Amino acid sequence: MTNEDHIINVDPSSCKRWAFADRSEFEFGNIQELAEDIEKNGQINPVIIRKSSDPNYKYEIISGSRRWKACLSFNLPLRAILTDYDDKQAAIVQIRENERHALSSYSRGCFLAKLLKSKIIQQDQLAKDLGIGRSTLQNVICFPKIPEVVMEAIQNPERISGRSAWVIYSNAKKGEKYVEALIQIADQIRDGLASYDIDRKVKEVVSQTENILLTGAEVVNKDGEVVGRWRNGYLVIRAKNSSEREKLNKLLEIFMA
């Protein structure tokens, strides 16, 4: 759909990234090094652009965000192929680009999830275009569903696989104590902990927390005196005399009513 005749030079400051750009900024690599190489040797591969509907910019970068960023940082002219792609065609271009240049599962998953949410492409068609099964696609699009507090604890999700994203999301759905467990092992997840190990370690942390709550929690009155203790899921309360037992019975009747 494009050829060399469409290549033009544009001002990189007149461009912005496409709203569905897939590469996260932590994957941009050394932009200064790339900019110096372009300044010295020229820009070998043009980026792919289309006209922008945003009045503040002339073009949108569909593919080639790193090259655009490098030219922008050194104020170099940007070689580009001008297209009239619609969103679906632009998405396919990015998918094909990712087959040539490695992209983390995180960036890929966020990109694909945005495409599906916007209804640019249907899930069955997307799985077919990617050459993957629906279950694999379901795994990778879990990234945006992971609670923000968990992602903040992980910091860099570059080494998290699609399967691991699904495990993290599935555990986080179980409740706050599972979210806390994920936060506790965030460093290990960031270092590439396998999906089955994430599941196992979360269960271990939750189990340890529950054991502490079940066997060690004390019930203290307003004077600081221990009057009861949780043991194996049961609350054991000490009554000093018949009067206290009578009061306790009345309280239990109200509680159980």
Protein backbone atom coordinates (compact mmCIF):
# COMPACT_ATOMS: atom_id res chain seq x y z
CA MET A 1 0.00 0.00 0.00
CA THR A 2 3.07 2.23 0.15
CA ASN A 3 6.22 2.67 -1.92
CA GLU A 4 9.34 4.79 -2.04
CA ASP A 5 7.52 7.60 -3.90
CA HIS A 6 5.60 8.37 -0.70
CA ILE A 7 8.72 9.13 1.37
CA ILE A 8 8.86 12.72 2.59
CA ASN A 9 10.88 14.70 5.12
CA VAL A 10 8.85 16.13 8.00
CA ASP A 11 9.53 18.15 11.12
CA PRO A 12 9.41 15.64 14.02
CA SER A 13 7.88 18.32 16.27
CA SER A 14 4.85 18.38 13.95
CA CYS A 15 4.19 14.71 14.77
CA LYS A 16 2.68 12.88 17.72
CA ARG A 17 2.40 9.19 18.55
CA TRP A 18 -0.71 7.35 17.47
CA ALA A 19 -3.16 6.88 20.34
CA PHE A 20 -2.69 3.12 20.03
CA ALA A 21 1.11 3.18 19.88
CA ASP A 22 2.35 -0.06 21.36
CA ARG A 23 5.92 0.45 22.57
CA SER A 24 6.14 1.59 26.20
CA GLU A 25 8.73 4.28 26.90
CA PHE A 26 10.82 1.96 29.10
CA GLU A 27 11.47 -0.02 25.89
CA PHE A 28 12.75 2.94 23.89
CA GLY A 29 16.34 2.06 24.76
CA ASN A 30 19.19 4.52 24.31
CA ILE A 31 17.58 7.33 22.29
CA GLN A 32 20.69 9.53 22.36
CA GLU A 33 22.79 6.74 20.86
CA LEU A 34 20.22 6.23 18.10
CA ALA A 35 20.02 9.97 17.44
CA GLU A 36 23.81 10.22 17.13
CA ASP A 37 23.80 7.31 14.67
CA ILE A 38 21.08 8.95 12.55
CA GLU A 39 22.94 12.27 12.62
CA LYS A 40 26.14 10.56 11.46
CA ASN A 41 24.84 7.90 9.05
CA GLY A 42 21.38 9.10 8.14
CA GLN A 43 17.99 7.54 8.82
CA ILE A 44 17.98 4.27 6.88
CA ASN A 45 14.38 3.19 7.53
CA PRO A 46 11.58 5.75 7.27
CA VAL A 47 8.80 5.83 9.83
CA ILE A 48 5.17 5.36 8.84
CA ILE A 49 2.82 8.28 9.39
CA ARG A 50 -0.66 9.51 8.53
CA LYS A 51 -2.33 12.89 8.78
CA SER A 52 -3.49 13.83 12.27
CA SER A 53 -6.98 14.96 13.21
CA ASP A 54 -5.44 16.88 16.13
CA PRO A 55 -5.15 20.57 15.10
CA ASN A 56 -1.94 20.87 17.13
CA TYR A 57 -0.10 18.32 14.96
CA LYS A 58 0.16 17.54 11.25
CA TYR A 59 0.95 13.83 11.49
CA GLU A 60 0.64 10.72 13.67
CA ILE A 61 3.46 8.21 14.04
CA ILE A 62 2.04 4.77 13.32
CA SER A 63 5.33 2.89 13.29
CA GLY A 64 8.84 4.05 14.20
CA SER A 65 8.42 5.78 17.55
CA ARG A 66 12.10 5.33 18.49
CA ARG A 67 13.34 6.93 15.26
CA TRP A 68 10.86 9.78 15.68
CA LYS A 69 11.95 10.31 19.30
CA ALA A 70 15.62 10.31 18.26
CA CYS A 71 15.09 12.86 15.49
CA LEU A 72 12.97 14.99 17.80
CA SER A 73 15.68 15.05 20.48
CA PHE A 74 18.38 16.17 18.00
CA ASN A 75 16.09 18.36 15.88
CA LEU A 76 16.77 16.25 12.79
CA PRO A 77 14.43 15.99 9.79
CA LEU A 78 12.35 12.82 9.93
CA ARG A 79 12.08 10.58 6.86
CA ALA A 80 8.56 9.20 6.69
CA ILE A 81 6.16 7.28 4.49
CA LEU A 82 2.87 9.17 4.37
CA THR A 83 -0.17 6.87 4.27
CA ASP A 84 -3.93 7.17 4.47
CA TYR A 85 -4.31 4.13 6.73
CA ASP A 86 -7.42 3.77 8.87
CA ASP A 87 -7.10 2.47 12.45
CA LYS A 88 -7.42 -1.19 11.47
CA GLN A 89 -4.74 -0.91 8.78
CA ALA A 90 -2.50 0.98 11.21
CA ALA A 91 -2.96 -1.76 13.80
CA ILE A 92 -1.93 -4.42 11.30
CA VAL A 93 1.18 -2.41 10.42
CA GLN A 94 2.18 -2.31 14.10
CA ILE A 95 1.54 -6.03 14.51
CA ARG A 96 3.78 -6.77 11.53
CA GLU A 97 6.43 -4.38 12.87
CA ASN A 98 6.46 -6.28 16.16
CA GLU A 99 7.21 -9.51 14.32
CA ARG A 100 10.50 -7.93 13.22
CA HIS A 101 11.37 -6.03 16.40
CA ALA A 102 10.99 -7.62 19.83
CA LEU A 103 8.33 -6.10 22.06
CA SER A 104 7.63 -7.01 25.67
CA SER A 105 4.49 -8.96 26.48
CA TYR A 106 3.42 -6.00 28.63
CA SER A 107 3.54 -3.44 25.81
CA ARG A 108 2.00 -5.90 23.40
CA GLY A 109 -0.80 -6.78 25.81
CA CYS A 110 -1.69 -3.15 26.55
CA PHE A 111 -1.73 -2.36 22.82
CA LEU A 112 -3.96 -5.34 21.97
CA ALA A 113 -6.31 -4.64 24.88
CA LYS A 114 -6.79 -1.05 23.67
CA LEU A 115 -7.53 -2.26 20.15
CA LEU A 116 -10.19 -4.65 21.40
CA LYS A 117 -11.73 -2.11 23.78
CA SER A 118 -12.04 0.43 20.98
CA LYS A 119 -13.59 -2.25 18.71
CA ILE A 120 -11.06 -1.50 15.97
CA ILE A 121 -10.75 -5.24 15.49
CA GLN A 122 -12.61 -8.27 16.84
CA GLN A 123 -10.96 -10.82 19.11
CA ASP A 124 -11.23 -13.77 16.72
CA GLN A 125 -9.77 -11.76 13.85
CA LEU A 126 -6.99 -10.41 16.06
CA ALA A 127 -6.00 -13.90 17.25
CA LYS A 128 -5.97 -15.05 13.62
CA ASP A 129 -3.80 -12.11 12.51
CA LEU A 130 -1.38 -12.81 15.34
CA GLY A 131 -1.33 -16.53 14.65
CA ILE A 132 -2.18 -17.41 18.26
CA GLY A 133 -5.04 -19.13 20.09
CA ARG A 134 -7.77 -17.24 21.94
CA SER A 135 -6.48 -18.46 25.32
CA THR A 136 -3.02 -17.02 24.59
CA LEU A 137 -4.62 -13.74 23.57
CA GLN A 138 -6.76 -13.73 26.73
CA ASN A 139 -3.60 -14.14 28.81
CA VAL A 140 -1.68 -11.25 27.28
CA ILE A 141 -4.56 -8.74 27.39
CA CYS A 142 -4.77 -9.19 31.19
CA PHE A 143 -2.00 -6.63 31.77
CA PRO A 144 -4.27 -3.54 31.95
CA LYS A 145 -6.56 -5.39 34.38
CA ILE A 146 -3.85 -5.87 37.01
CA PRO A 147 -4.38 -3.48 39.96
CA GLU A 148 -2.31 -0.33 39.73
CA VAL A 149 -0.81 -0.85 43.21
CA VAL A 150 0.59 -4.20 42.08
CA MET A 151 2.07 -2.75 38.89
CA GLU A 152 3.60 0.12 40.88
CA ALA A 153 5.26 -2.41 43.20
CA ILE A 154 6.61 -4.41 40.24
CA GLN A 155 7.87 -1.15 38.63
CA ASN A 156 9.25 -2.70 35.43
CA PRO A 157 7.00 -5.34 33.81
CA GLU A 158 9.36 -6.03 30.91
CA ARG A 159 10.05 -9.65 31.96
CA ILE A 160 6.47 -10.64 32.77
CA SER A 161 4.97 -13.13 30.32
CA GLY A 162 1.36 -13.18 29.18
CA ARG A 163 0.72 -16.30 31.23
CA SER A 164 2.17 -14.64 34.32
CA ALA A 165 -0.07 -11.62 33.73
CA TRP A 166 -3.10 -13.90 33.79
CA VAL A 167 -1.91 -15.54 37.05
CA ILE A 168 -1.33 -12.14 38.68
CA TYR A 169 -4.73 -10.86 37.59
CA SER A 170 -6.51 -14.05 38.68
CA ASN A 171 -4.95 -13.89 42.15
CA ALA A 172 -5.64 -10.16 42.54
CA LYS A 173 -9.34 -10.82 41.89
CA LYS A 174 -9.49 -13.00 45.01
CA GLY A 175 -9.24 -10.06 47.38
CA GLU A 176 -7.05 -7.67 49.32
CA LYS A 177 -4.86 -10.27 51.04
CA TYR A 178 -3.93 -11.70 47.63
CA VAL A 179 -3.10 -8.21 46.35
CA GLU A 180 -0.88 -7.70 49.42
CA ALA A 181 0.80 -11.05 48.75
CA LEU A 182 1.54 -10.02 45.15
CA ILE A 183 3.05 -6.78 46.40
CA GLN A 184 5.28 -8.74 48.80
CA ILE A 185 6.74 -10.81 45.95
CA ALA A 186 6.83 -7.92 43.44
CA ASP A 187 10.63 -7.90 43.26
CA GLN A 188 10.66 -11.57 42.27
CA ILE A 189 7.95 -11.00 39.67
CA ARG A 190 9.98 -8.12 38.20
CA ASP A 191 12.98 -10.46 37.93
CA GLY A 192 10.99 -12.91 35.80
CA LEU A 193 9.41 -15.33 38.30
CA ALA A 194 7.61 -18.09 36.37
CA SER A 195 3.80 -18.13 36.40
CA TYR A 196 3.48 -21.34 38.43
CA ASP A 197 5.95 -19.98 41.00
CA ILE A 198 3.95 -16.75 41.30
CA ASP A 199 0.83 -18.77 42.08
CA ARG A 200 2.67 -20.95 44.58
CA LYS A 201 4.36 -18.07 46.40
CA VAL A 202 1.12 -16.07 46.63
CA LYS A 203 -0.59 -19.06 48.25
CA GLU A 204 2.31 -19.42 50.69
CA VAL A 205 2.18 -15.76 51.72
CA VAL A 206 -1.61 -15.81 52.11
CA SER A 207 -1.44 -19.05 54.10
CA GLN A 208 1.19 -17.62 56.45
CA THR A 209 -0.89 -14.48 56.96
CA GLU A 210 -4.02 -16.50 57.70
CA ASN A 211 -2.16 -18.71 60.19
CA ILE A 212 -0.95 -15.64 62.05
CA LEU A 213 -4.46 -14.24 62.18
CA LEU A 214 -5.99 -17.53 63.24
CA THR A 215 -3.51 -18.48 65.95
CA GLY A 216 -2.01 -15.27 67.26
CA ALA A 217 -4.56 -12.46 67.31
CA GLU A 218 -5.44 -11.26 70.80
CA VAL A 219 -8.65 -9.59 71.94
CA VAL A 220 -7.84 -6.72 74.27
CA ASN A 221 -10.27 -4.69 76.41
CA LYS A 222 -10.13 -0.91 76.93
CA ASP A 223 -7.73 -1.37 79.88
CA GLY A 224 -5.25 -3.25 77.71
CA GLU A 225 -6.02 -6.60 79.31
CA VAL A 226 -6.06 -9.69 77.09
CA VAL A 227 -9.54 -11.20 77.41
CA GLY A 228 -9.52 -13.58 74.44
CA ARG A 229 -7.54 -15.09 71.58
CA TRP A 230 -8.20 -16.46 68.12
CA ARG A 231 -7.16 -20.12 67.77
CA ASN A 232 -7.58 -22.10 64.56
CA GLY A 233 -10.54 -20.02 63.49
CA TYR A 234 -12.27 -20.02 66.89
CA LEU A 235 -12.48 -17.13 69.34
CA VAL A 236 -11.62 -18.25 72.89
CA ILE A 237 -12.77 -15.68 75.48
CA ARG A 238 -11.87 -15.86 79.20
CA ALA A 239 -14.56 -14.94 81.74
CA LYS A 240 -13.31 -14.44 85.31
CA ASN A 241 -16.59 -15.16 87.09
CA SER A 242 -20.27 -15.99 86.63
CA SER A 243 -21.17 -12.31 86.26
CA GLU A 244 -18.81 -11.90 83.29
CA ARG A 245 -20.09 -15.14 81.77
CA GLU A 246 -23.65 -13.84 82.05
CA LYS A 247 -22.69 -10.58 80.32
CA LEU A 248 -20.89 -12.53 77.62
CA ASN A 249 -23.91 -14.75 77.03
CA LYS A 250 -26.12 -11.70 76.59
CA LEU A 251 -23.69 -10.19 74.11
CA LEU A 252 -23.56 -13.44 72.14
CA GLU A 253 -27.36 -13.54 72.03
CA ILE A 254 -27.42 -10.04 70.56
CA PHE A 255 -24.64 -10.92 68.09
CA MET A 256 -26.37 -14.12 66.94
CA ALA A 257 -29.83 -12.55 66.68
